[in-house]
N, C-alpha and C. Protein backbone atom coordinates (compact mmCIF):
# COMPACT_ATOMS: atom_id res chain seq x y z
N MET A 1 -86.01 123.06 -24.63
CA MET A 1 -85.23 122.15 -25.45
C MET A 1 -85.50 122.45 -26.91
N SER A 2 -84.54 122.71 -27.73
CA SER A 2 -84.72 122.96 -29.10
C SER A 2 -85.02 121.69 -29.90
N SER A 3 -85.50 121.89 -31.07
CA SER A 3 -85.84 120.83 -31.95
C SER A 3 -84.56 120.01 -32.38
N ALA A 4 -83.44 120.65 -32.55
CA ALA A 4 -82.22 119.97 -32.90
C ALA A 4 -81.74 119.12 -31.76
N GLN A 5 -81.89 119.66 -30.46
CA GLN A 5 -81.48 118.83 -29.35
C GLN A 5 -82.36 117.63 -29.22
N TRP A 6 -83.67 117.85 -29.42
CA TRP A 6 -84.58 116.76 -29.29
C TRP A 6 -84.30 115.68 -30.37
N ASN A 7 -84.05 116.12 -31.58
CA ASN A 7 -83.73 115.19 -32.64
C ASN A 7 -82.39 114.42 -32.35
N ALA A 8 -81.45 115.13 -31.80
CA ALA A 8 -80.13 114.48 -31.41
C ALA A 8 -80.42 113.43 -30.35
N GLY A 9 -81.15 113.78 -29.39
CA GLY A 9 -81.51 112.86 -28.34
C GLY A 9 -82.22 111.60 -28.81
N GLN A 10 -83.16 111.84 -29.71
CA GLN A 10 -83.92 110.78 -30.34
C GLN A 10 -82.98 109.84 -31.11
N THR A 11 -82.19 110.41 -31.92
CA THR A 11 -81.25 109.68 -32.77
C THR A 11 -80.28 108.87 -31.93
N HIS A 12 -79.76 109.51 -30.82
CA HIS A 12 -78.90 108.75 -29.90
C HIS A 12 -79.65 107.58 -29.26
N GLY A 13 -80.86 107.77 -28.91
CA GLY A 13 -81.63 106.67 -28.28
C GLY A 13 -81.87 105.55 -29.24
N GLN A 14 -82.17 105.87 -30.47
CA GLN A 14 -82.41 104.88 -31.51
C GLN A 14 -81.03 104.10 -31.82
N ALA A 15 -79.94 104.85 -31.85
CA ALA A 15 -78.68 104.22 -32.11
C ALA A 15 -78.29 103.23 -30.94
N GLN A 16 -78.60 103.69 -29.71
CA GLN A 16 -78.27 102.88 -28.64
C GLN A 16 -79.16 101.61 -28.61
N ALA A 17 -80.42 101.74 -28.93
CA ALA A 17 -81.37 100.58 -29.00
C ALA A 17 -80.95 99.60 -30.10
N LYS A 18 -80.50 100.14 -31.24
CA LYS A 18 -80.03 99.32 -32.31
C LYS A 18 -78.79 98.57 -31.93
N THR A 19 -77.88 99.24 -31.24
CA THR A 19 -76.62 98.62 -30.84
C THR A 19 -76.88 97.56 -29.86
N GLU A 20 -77.84 97.75 -28.94
CA GLU A 20 -78.19 96.66 -27.99
C GLU A 20 -78.75 95.46 -28.70
N GLU A 21 -79.60 95.74 -29.68
CA GLU A 21 -80.19 94.64 -30.50
C GLU A 21 -79.12 93.85 -31.25
N TRP A 22 -78.12 94.54 -31.70
CA TRP A 22 -77.01 93.82 -32.42
C TRP A 22 -76.18 92.98 -31.47
N VAL A 23 -75.98 93.57 -30.28
CA VAL A 23 -75.18 92.85 -29.26
C VAL A 23 -75.92 91.52 -28.84
N GLN A 24 -77.24 91.68 -28.64
CA GLN A 24 -78.04 90.47 -28.21
C GLN A 24 -78.04 89.46 -29.37
N SER A 25 -78.16 89.93 -30.57
CA SER A 25 -78.12 89.02 -31.76
C SER A 25 -76.75 88.26 -31.87
N ALA A 26 -75.66 89.00 -31.68
CA ALA A 26 -74.33 88.45 -31.72
C ALA A 26 -74.17 87.41 -30.56
N GLN A 27 -74.71 87.73 -29.41
CA GLN A 27 -74.61 86.80 -28.24
C GLN A 27 -75.35 85.57 -28.51
N GLY A 28 -76.58 85.70 -29.17
CA GLY A 28 -77.39 84.52 -29.51
C GLY A 28 -76.64 83.69 -30.59
N THR A 29 -76.06 84.28 -31.53
CA THR A 29 -75.29 83.60 -32.55
C THR A 29 -74.10 82.82 -31.96
N ALA A 30 -73.43 83.47 -31.05
CA ALA A 30 -72.23 82.89 -30.36
C ALA A 30 -72.68 81.72 -29.50
N ASN A 31 -73.82 81.85 -28.75
CA ASN A 31 -74.33 80.71 -27.97
C ASN A 31 -74.67 79.55 -28.89
N LYS A 32 -75.33 79.83 -29.94
CA LYS A 32 -75.67 78.69 -30.90
C LYS A 32 -74.43 78.00 -31.40
N ALA A 33 -73.40 78.79 -31.77
CA ALA A 33 -72.17 78.19 -32.17
C ALA A 33 -71.50 77.32 -31.15
N CYS A 34 -71.56 77.81 -29.95
CA CYS A 34 -70.96 77.07 -28.85
C CYS A 34 -71.72 75.77 -28.63
N ASP A 35 -73.09 75.76 -28.70
CA ASP A 35 -73.85 74.61 -28.56
C ASP A 35 -73.61 73.57 -29.62
N LYS A 36 -73.43 74.12 -30.84
CA LYS A 36 -73.16 73.11 -31.96
C LYS A 36 -71.77 72.49 -31.80
N MET A 37 -70.79 73.29 -31.29
CA MET A 37 -69.54 72.81 -31.02
C MET A 37 -69.51 71.70 -29.95
N ALA A 38 -70.29 71.92 -28.93
CA ALA A 38 -70.45 70.93 -27.85
C ALA A 38 -71.11 69.68 -28.30
N ASP A 39 -72.14 69.88 -29.14
CA ASP A 39 -72.85 68.66 -29.78
C ASP A 39 -71.83 67.92 -30.72
N SER A 40 -71.06 68.65 -31.47
CA SER A 40 -70.05 67.99 -32.34
C SER A 40 -69.05 67.21 -31.55
N LYS A 41 -68.57 67.83 -30.50
CA LYS A 41 -67.59 67.13 -29.63
C LYS A 41 -68.16 65.86 -29.00
N GLU A 42 -69.42 65.99 -28.53
CA GLU A 42 -70.05 64.86 -27.93
C GLU A 42 -70.27 63.70 -29.02
N SER A 43 -70.68 64.11 -30.15
CA SER A 43 -70.90 63.18 -31.27
C SER A 43 -69.58 62.50 -31.65
N ALA A 44 -68.48 63.28 -31.70
CA ALA A 44 -67.20 62.75 -32.09
C ALA A 44 -66.76 61.72 -31.03
N GLN A 45 -66.97 62.04 -29.72
CA GLN A 45 -66.54 61.13 -28.66
C GLN A 45 -67.33 59.83 -28.75
N GLN A 46 -68.64 59.98 -29.01
CA GLN A 46 -69.47 58.77 -29.12
C GLN A 46 -68.95 57.95 -30.30
N GLY A 47 -68.69 58.53 -31.42
CA GLY A 47 -68.19 57.83 -32.59
C GLY A 47 -66.87 57.16 -32.26
N LYS A 48 -66.01 57.80 -31.56
CA LYS A 48 -64.74 57.25 -31.17
C LYS A 48 -64.99 56.00 -30.28
N GLU A 49 -65.82 56.09 -29.31
CA GLU A 49 -66.10 54.93 -28.48
C GLU A 49 -66.73 53.75 -29.23
N GLU A 50 -67.61 54.08 -30.21
CA GLU A 50 -68.21 53.04 -31.05
C GLU A 50 -67.17 52.36 -31.92
N THR A 51 -66.33 53.22 -32.52
CA THR A 51 -65.27 52.60 -33.35
C THR A 51 -64.26 51.71 -32.51
N ALA A 52 -63.95 52.17 -31.29
CA ALA A 52 -63.10 51.33 -30.43
C ALA A 52 -63.73 49.99 -30.15
N GLY A 53 -65.06 50.01 -29.83
CA GLY A 53 -65.77 48.81 -29.56
C GLY A 53 -65.84 47.89 -30.81
N PHE A 54 -66.01 48.48 -31.90
CA PHE A 54 -66.12 47.67 -33.14
C PHE A 54 -64.71 47.08 -33.43
N LEU A 55 -63.65 47.87 -33.29
CA LEU A 55 -62.32 47.30 -33.55
C LEU A 55 -61.99 46.22 -32.52
N GLN A 56 -62.39 46.37 -31.32
CA GLN A 56 -62.18 45.30 -30.27
C GLN A 56 -62.84 44.00 -30.68
N GLN A 57 -64.12 44.10 -31.04
CA GLN A 57 -64.88 42.97 -31.47
C GLN A 57 -64.27 42.32 -32.72
N THR A 58 -63.89 43.09 -33.61
CA THR A 58 -63.23 42.63 -34.89
C THR A 58 -61.91 41.91 -34.54
N GLY A 59 -61.18 42.51 -33.65
CA GLY A 59 -59.85 41.86 -33.29
C GLY A 59 -60.12 40.48 -32.62
N GLU A 60 -61.10 40.44 -31.77
CA GLU A 60 -61.42 39.22 -31.13
C GLU A 60 -61.92 38.14 -32.06
N LYS A 61 -62.70 38.55 -33.09
CA LYS A 61 -63.18 37.58 -34.09
C LYS A 61 -62.04 37.06 -34.93
N VAL A 62 -61.12 37.97 -35.27
CA VAL A 62 -59.97 37.54 -36.16
C VAL A 62 -59.08 36.58 -35.26
N ALA A 63 -58.88 36.90 -33.99
CA ALA A 63 -58.10 35.98 -33.14
C ALA A 63 -58.74 34.62 -33.08
N THR A 64 -60.05 34.64 -32.92
CA THR A 64 -60.79 33.27 -32.81
C THR A 64 -60.66 32.49 -34.08
N MET A 65 -60.85 33.22 -35.24
CA MET A 65 -60.71 32.57 -36.55
C MET A 65 -59.32 32.07 -36.81
N THR A 66 -58.35 32.81 -36.40
CA THR A 66 -56.91 32.43 -36.56
C THR A 66 -56.64 31.15 -35.78
N GLN A 67 -57.08 31.20 -34.53
CA GLN A 67 -56.91 30.01 -33.67
C GLN A 67 -57.54 28.77 -34.25
N GLY A 68 -58.79 28.96 -34.79
CA GLY A 68 -59.49 27.89 -35.45
C GLY A 68 -58.70 27.33 -36.72
N ALA A 69 -58.12 28.21 -37.40
CA ALA A 69 -57.36 27.85 -38.65
C ALA A 69 -56.11 27.08 -38.17
N ILE A 70 -55.43 27.57 -37.10
CA ILE A 70 -54.30 26.87 -36.61
C ILE A 70 -54.64 25.49 -36.13
N ASP A 71 -55.71 25.35 -35.41
CA ASP A 71 -56.18 24.02 -34.90
C ASP A 71 -56.50 23.09 -36.06
N GLY A 72 -57.10 23.67 -37.11
CA GLY A 72 -57.44 22.83 -38.27
C GLY A 72 -56.23 22.30 -38.95
N VAL A 73 -55.18 23.12 -39.15
CA VAL A 73 -53.97 22.68 -39.71
C VAL A 73 -53.28 21.66 -38.84
N LYS A 74 -53.25 21.88 -37.60
CA LYS A 74 -52.65 20.89 -36.68
C LYS A 74 -53.40 19.55 -36.68
N ASN A 75 -54.70 19.56 -36.79
CA ASN A 75 -55.49 18.37 -36.88
C ASN A 75 -55.15 17.62 -38.19
N THR A 76 -55.11 18.39 -39.32
CA THR A 76 -54.78 17.80 -40.55
C THR A 76 -53.40 17.17 -40.59
N LEU A 77 -52.45 17.78 -39.95
CA LEU A 77 -51.09 17.21 -39.87
C LEU A 77 -50.83 16.24 -38.74
N GLY A 78 -51.85 16.05 -37.92
CA GLY A 78 -51.74 15.13 -36.82
C GLY A 78 -50.87 15.68 -35.68
N MET A 79 -50.88 16.96 -35.52
CA MET A 79 -49.92 17.59 -34.55
C MET A 79 -50.73 18.14 -33.37
N ASN A 80 -52.06 17.99 -33.41
CA ASN A 80 -52.88 18.54 -32.32
C ASN A 80 -52.73 17.68 -31.06
N GLU A 81 -52.40 18.31 -29.97
CA GLU A 81 -52.12 17.51 -28.74
C GLU A 81 -53.33 17.41 -27.89
N LYS A 82 -54.27 16.52 -28.33
CA LYS A 82 -55.43 16.22 -27.47
C LYS A 82 -55.16 14.95 -26.71
N LYS A 83 -55.29 14.98 -25.42
CA LYS A 83 -55.00 13.80 -24.62
C LYS A 83 -56.23 13.27 -23.96
């Protein structure tokens, strides 16, 4: 085997190793990005559920306060139907 052939083989081997290293690095980066997207999606879903719960509670409180105000006005005007 000549020196040129040996050098070519060595260069090819180094290029192949470097390519494999880049592929593995890209796969790792892609996996991290997928994990972050999954975490973001989960976090958004949790926030959505918390917001829905908060709005439900707020709506119930507003309804209760409104009914209390209506009852207060009826009592003041003598229109409350308590028997």
